[in-house]
Protein backbone atom coordinates (compact mmCIF):
# COMPACT_ATOMS: atom_id res chain seq x y z
CA MET A 1 9.78 -43.88 3.72
CA ASP A 2 10.09 -45.40 7.21
CA GLY A 3 11.09 -43.36 10.27
CA THR A 4 14.75 -44.40 10.24
CA GLU A 5 15.19 -43.55 6.56
CA ALA A 6 13.38 -40.22 7.02
CA ASP A 7 15.58 -39.27 9.97
CA GLY A 8 18.66 -40.18 7.94
CA ARG A 9 17.63 -37.88 5.10
CA LYS A 10 16.94 -35.02 7.49
CA ASN A 11 20.30 -35.44 9.19
CA ALA A 12 22.06 -35.58 5.83
CA LEU A 13 20.67 -32.23 4.66
CA PRO A 14 23.33 -29.57 4.09
CA SER A 15 23.17 -26.42 6.20
CA THR A 16 21.65 -23.36 4.53
CA ARG A 17 25.10 -21.85 4.13
CA GLU A 18 26.29 -25.06 2.43
CA PHE A 19 23.25 -24.99 0.11
CA VAL A 20 24.05 -21.40 -0.89
CA GLU A 21 27.67 -22.31 -1.61
CA LYS A 22 26.71 -25.50 -3.48
CA TYR A 23 24.37 -23.65 -5.86
CA GLY A 24 26.34 -20.39 -6.01
CA LEU A 25 23.24 -18.51 -4.91
CA MET A 26 23.51 -14.73 -4.55
CA ALA A 27 20.73 -12.57 -3.06
CA LYS A 28 18.93 -10.32 -5.55
CA LYS A 29 18.28 -6.76 -4.42
CA ALA A 30 15.40 -6.47 -6.90
CA LEU A 31 13.58 -9.24 -5.00
CA GLY A 32 14.27 -7.67 -1.60
CA GLN A 33 16.38 -10.69 -0.62
CA ASN A 34 18.63 -10.85 2.43
CA PHE A 35 19.39 -14.46 3.31
CA LEU A 36 19.34 -15.68 6.91
CA LEU A 37 21.85 -18.53 6.99
CA ASP A 38 22.36 -19.18 10.72
CA GLY A 39 20.29 -22.16 11.84
CA ASN A 40 20.56 -21.09 15.48
CA ILE A 41 18.71 -17.87 14.65
CA THR A 42 16.00 -19.51 12.54
CA ASP A 43 15.43 -22.07 15.30
CA LYS A 44 15.23 -19.20 17.82
CA ILE A 45 12.53 -17.51 15.72
CA MET A 46 10.37 -20.62 15.83
CA ARG A 47 11.13 -21.41 19.48
CA LEU A 48 10.14 -17.93 20.70
CA SER A 49 7.09 -17.79 18.43
CA LEU A 50 5.76 -21.13 19.67
CA ALA A 51 6.47 -20.22 23.30
CA ALA A 52 4.50 -16.96 22.93
CA GLN A 53 1.61 -19.00 21.49
CA GLU A 54 1.93 -21.57 24.30
CA ARG A 55 2.56 -24.27 21.71
CA LYS A 56 4.98 -27.17 21.99
CA ASP A 57 5.33 -27.58 18.22
CA LEU A 58 3.33 -27.35 14.98
CA ALA A 59 2.02 -30.93 14.94
CA GLY A 60 -1.24 -31.13 12.99
CA GLU A 61 -0.93 -27.54 11.74
CA THR A 62 -0.83 -26.06 8.23
CA VAL A 63 1.83 -23.39 7.62
CA VAL A 64 2.60 -21.09 4.70
CA GLU A 65 6.03 -19.53 4.23
CA VAL A 66 6.57 -16.58 1.90
CA GLY A 67 9.94 -16.14 0.25
CA PRO A 68 11.84 -19.13 1.67
CA GLY A 69 14.91 -18.42 -0.49
CA PRO A 70 17.56 -21.07 0.29
CA GLY A 71 15.34 -22.60 2.97
CA GLY A 72 16.90 -21.61 6.29
CA LEU A 73 13.63 -20.70 7.98
CA THR A 74 11.91 -23.47 6.01
CA GLN A 75 13.99 -26.12 7.75
CA ALA A 76 13.38 -24.50 11.13
CA VAL A 77 9.60 -24.66 10.54
CA LEU A 78 9.80 -28.28 9.36
CA ARG A 79 11.73 -29.24 12.49
CA GLN A 80 8.56 -28.25 14.40
CA ASN A 81 6.66 -31.06 12.66
CA PRO A 82 3.81 -29.30 10.81
CA GLU A 83 1.31 -31.43 8.96
CA LYS A 84 1.96 -29.35 5.83
CA LEU A 85 4.21 -26.44 4.89
CA THR A 86 3.54 -24.56 1.66
CA ALA A 87 6.55 -22.49 0.57
CA ILE A 88 5.81 -19.74 -1.96
CA GLU A 89 8.95 -18.72 -3.86
CA MET A 90 9.11 -16.66 -7.06
CA ASP A 91 12.90 -16.98 -7.50
CA GLU A 92 13.39 -20.07 -9.67
CA ARG A 93 17.05 -20.29 -8.61
CA CYS A 94 15.91 -21.44 -5.14
CA LEU A 95 13.65 -24.26 -6.32
CA GLU A 96 16.36 -26.94 -6.51
CA ILE A 97 17.41 -26.27 -2.93
CA LEU A 98 13.80 -26.45 -1.76
CA GLY A 99 13.41 -29.67 -3.75
CA GLU A 100 16.30 -31.21 -1.83
CA ILE A 101 14.66 -30.21 1.44
CA ARG A 102 11.39 -31.79 0.28
CA GLY A 103 13.29 -35.02 -0.24
CA ALA A 104 13.78 -35.15 3.52
CA TYR A 105 10.45 -33.57 4.48
CA PRO A 106 7.65 -34.80 2.17
CA GLN A 107 5.11 -32.49 3.88
CA LEU A 108 6.81 -29.55 2.11
CA ASP A 109 4.78 -28.23 -0.82
CA ILE A 110 6.64 -25.81 -3.13
CA VAL A 111 4.76 -23.14 -5.09
CA ASN A 112 6.75 -21.20 -7.69
CA GLY A 113 4.83 -17.95 -7.71
CA ASP A 114 4.20 -14.48 -6.34
CA ALA A 115 2.71 -14.25 -2.83
CA LEU A 116 0.91 -11.06 -3.86
CA LYS A 117 -1.06 -13.11 -6.40
CA PHE A 118 -1.56 -16.21 -4.26
CA ASP A 119 -5.15 -17.28 -3.53
CA TRP A 120 -5.08 -16.98 0.27
CA THR A 121 -8.87 -17.21 0.59
CA GLY A 122 -8.94 -20.35 -1.53
CA LYS A 123 -6.19 -21.87 0.61
CA ALA A 124 -8.31 -21.37 3.74
CA ALA A 125 -11.45 -22.67 2.02
CA THR A 126 -9.79 -25.96 1.04
CA GLU A 127 -7.39 -26.55 3.94
CA GLY A 128 -8.75 -24.51 6.86
CA LYS A 129 -6.94 -21.89 8.92
CA PHE A 130 -3.17 -21.68 8.61
CA HIS A 131 -0.09 -20.06 10.14
CA ILE A 132 2.16 -17.71 8.15
CA VAL A 133 5.92 -17.55 8.68
CA SER A 134 8.25 -15.32 6.70
CA ASN A 135 11.48 -13.39 6.52
CA LEU A 136 9.52 -10.90 4.43
CA PRO A 137 10.99 -9.32 1.30
CA TYR A 138 11.51 -5.72 2.44
CA ASN A 139 9.97 -4.21 -0.67
CA VAL A 140 6.52 -5.80 -0.23
CA SER A 141 6.31 -6.45 3.52
CA VAL A 142 3.65 -3.85 4.38
CA VAL A 143 1.53 -4.66 1.31
CA LEU A 144 1.49 -8.35 2.23
CA LEU A 145 0.73 -7.62 5.88
CA ALA A 146 -2.17 -5.31 5.00
CA GLY A 147 -3.70 -8.01 2.79
CA TRP A 148 -3.43 -10.64 5.52
CA LEU A 149 -4.96 -8.33 8.12
CA GLU A 150 -8.01 -7.93 5.86
CA GLN A 151 -8.61 -11.69 5.99
CA ILE A 152 -7.32 -12.40 9.49
CA GLU A 153 -10.23 -14.78 10.11
CA ASN A 154 -8.35 -17.31 7.93
CA ILE A 155 -5.10 -17.08 9.88
CA LYS A 156 -4.05 -18.70 13.16
CA SER A 157 -0.81 -16.75 13.65
CA MET A 158 1.83 -14.80 11.72
CA THR A 159 5.52 -14.88 12.59
CA LEU A 160 7.07 -12.20 10.40
CA MET A 161 10.38 -10.40 10.06
CA PHE A 162 10.41 -6.72 9.09
CA GLN A 163 12.85 -3.86 8.86
CA LYS A 164 13.07 -2.56 12.43
CA GLU A 165 11.65 0.82 11.44
CA VAL A 166 8.57 -0.88 9.96
CA ALA A 167 8.17 -3.03 13.10
CA ASP A 168 8.39 0.17 15.16
CA ARG A 169 5.49 1.60 13.17
CA ILE A 170 3.39 -1.55 13.53
CA THR A 171 3.83 -1.68 17.32
CA ALA A 172 3.72 2.10 17.97
CA VAL A 173 1.32 3.47 20.57
CA PRO A 174 -0.90 6.56 20.19
CA GLY A 175 0.81 9.89 20.69
CA THR A 176 4.14 8.82 19.16
CA LYS A 177 5.72 9.80 15.84
CA ASP A 178 5.78 6.19 14.58
CA TYR A 179 2.05 5.67 15.19
CA GLY A 180 0.11 5.54 11.94
CA ARG A 181 -2.34 3.67 9.73
CA ILE A 182 -0.61 0.29 9.91
CA SER A 183 -0.39 0.57 13.73
CA VAL A 184 -4.16 1.04 13.95
CA ILE A 185 -5.13 -1.78 11.58
CA ALA A 186 -2.62 -4.30 12.97
CA GLN A 187 -3.53 -3.63 16.59
CA LEU A 188 -7.27 -3.83 15.92
CA GLN A 189 -6.93 -7.27 14.36
CA CYS A 190 -4.10 -8.78 16.41
CA ASP A 191 -2.17 -8.80 19.62
CA VAL A 192 1.31 -7.97 18.31
CA VAL A 193 4.28 -9.39 20.22
CA ARG A 194 7.82 -8.16 19.58
CA LEU A 195 10.03 -11.27 19.77
CA PHE A 196 13.54 -9.91 19.16
CA ASP A 197 15.73 -7.64 17.02
CA LEU A 198 18.48 -8.83 14.66
CA PRO A 199 21.57 -6.84 13.65
CA PRO A 200 22.55 -6.51 9.97
CA THR A 201 25.43 -8.98 10.46
CA CYS A 202 22.91 -11.86 10.70
CA PHE A 203 22.11 -11.57 6.99
CA VAL A 204 23.84 -12.15 3.66
CA PRO A 205 24.27 -9.62 2.23
CA ALA A 206 24.15 -7.44 5.36
CA PRO A 207 21.49 -4.73 5.00
CA LYS A 208 22.09 -1.24 6.35
CA ILE A 209 19.39 -1.54 8.98
CA TRP A 210 18.33 -3.81 11.86
CA SER A 211 15.43 -6.25 11.53
CA THR A 212 12.71 -7.29 13.98
CA VAL A 213 10.66 -10.46 14.35
CA LEU A 214 7.00 -9.88 15.28
CA LEU A 215 4.33 -12.39 16.23
CA PHE A 216 0.73 -11.53 15.31
CA LYS A 217 -1.90 -13.36 17.35
CA PRO A 218 -5.38 -12.74 15.83
CA LYS A 219 -7.95 -11.50 18.32
CA HIS A 220 -10.84 -13.83 19.14
CA VAL A 221 -13.29 -11.45 17.44
CA SER A 222 -11.90 -9.86 14.28
CA VAL A 223 -13.15 -6.63 12.77
CA LYS A 224 -15.59 -7.33 9.92
CA ARG A 225 -14.24 -6.49 6.50
CA GLN A 226 -16.76 -3.72 5.77
CA VAL A 227 -15.99 -2.01 9.07
CA LEU A 228 -12.26 -2.43 8.48
CA GLU A 229 -12.63 -0.72 5.11
CA ARG A 230 -14.21 2.26 6.87
CA VAL A 231 -11.36 2.31 9.40
CA GLU A 232 -8.92 2.36 6.48
CA LYS A 233 -10.72 5.36 4.94
CA LEU A 234 -10.69 7.20 8.26
CA THR A 235 -7.01 6.56 8.91
CA GLU A 236 -6.11 7.48 5.34
CA ALA A 237 -7.85 10.85 5.78
CA ALA A 238 -6.56 11.50 9.29
CA PHE A 239 -2.93 10.47 8.83
CA GLY A 240 -2.85 11.98 5.36
CA GLN A 241 -3.06 15.32 7.14
CA ARG A 242 -1.65 14.26 10.49
CA ARG A 243 -0.60 17.77 11.52
CA LYS A 244 -4.19 19.01 11.27
CA MET A 245 -6.90 18.61 13.91
CA ILE A 246 -9.43 15.89 13.15
CA ARG A 247 -12.23 18.44 12.73
CA GLN A 248 -10.35 19.42 9.57
CA SER A 249 -8.65 16.21 8.44
CA LEU A 250 -11.81 14.06 8.68
CA LYS A 251 -14.00 16.41 6.65
CA GLY A 252 -13.41 14.26 3.58
CA VAL A 253 -15.16 11.29 5.24
CA PRO A 254 -18.89 12.17 5.36
CA GLY A 255 -20.39 12.20 8.85
CA SER A 256 -17.14 11.40 10.66
CA VAL A 257 -16.67 14.82 12.28
CA GLU A 258 -20.21 14.67 13.65
CA LYS A 259 -19.71 11.06 14.78
CA ALA A 260 -16.53 12.06 16.63
CA ALA A 261 -18.43 14.76 18.48
CA ALA A 262 -21.21 12.33 19.38
CA LEU A 263 -18.61 9.91 20.77
CA GLY A 264 -17.05 12.65 22.88
CA ILE A 265 -13.80 12.70 20.90
CA GLU A 266 -12.26 16.16 21.12
CA PRO A 267 -12.23 17.85 17.67
CA THR A 268 -8.87 19.45 18.45
CA LEU A 269 -7.10 16.09 18.61
CA ARG A 270 -4.80 15.00 15.79
CA ALA A 271 -4.61 11.64 14.03
CA GLU A 272 -1.92 10.23 16.30
CA ASN A 273 -3.95 11.00 19.44
CA LEU A 274 -6.81 8.62 18.65
CA THR A 275 -6.58 5.01 19.82
CA PRO A 276 -7.33 2.07 17.51
CA GLU A 277 -10.54 1.55 19.48
CA GLN A 278 -11.63 5.14 18.80
CA TYR A 279 -11.06 4.69 15.06
CA LEU A 280 -13.13 1.52 15.27
CA ALA A 281 -15.94 3.37 17.06
CA LEU A 282 -15.85 6.10 14.41
CA ALA A 283 -16.20 3.41 11.75
CA GLY A 284 -19.27 2.03 13.50
CA GLY A 285 -17.60 -1.12 14.75
């Protein structure tokens, strides 16, 4: 396909809304689907994400998208000229739409499968580090994020949309009610940038809550997996009894109360009072 023909195919692509109407596609609540049909918004997601990364585009980069649905965000990513975009979609009803998009963008690779079962480590081993972009299915967003944070060394960036209340928890600071386990792990592994919030009216069907787009920029030195596992045990114990002082809540993690004392961490503090760095120090990182 020469450049003129390729440009013609791209320009001839229906809008996401037109694709949805053409195929009679309805979002499935069981799959956590809420379609984002406005191309201006999907382009804004990519524009702000790239600006925060000080990137002009995605030329030469490998990207993975989870849950592309009818391909609104997919097209926005492809317009940034990645070398390859792998779209993982378990809803077979969306595959024909994605196939049409691939007709205009041959660098699109479509995987009909479950992102929770995808071989992320194998992807990195064969293709190198990659970016992740997703309007995440609400029902598995935190599970997916936690898995990616455990292998952050394979990831260049993550541009992800969450329910606003989940985004609030991820970006929460110590001493606040939203601060918890996912705040600690995410902030140890990444610099998290809040890009913008979206009202329910941006989606079809409209959810009852607002959504938020976050950019995760992996830190230059990631926490080693064994240390991260210890952080996870500490935060599970501490936040599992968040109203108790750490001298009580951390008793279930051998040696942690003594380690806290040695580090000069007050035993009367509660889980939400410790910084991510203090949890890391407790874990021996």
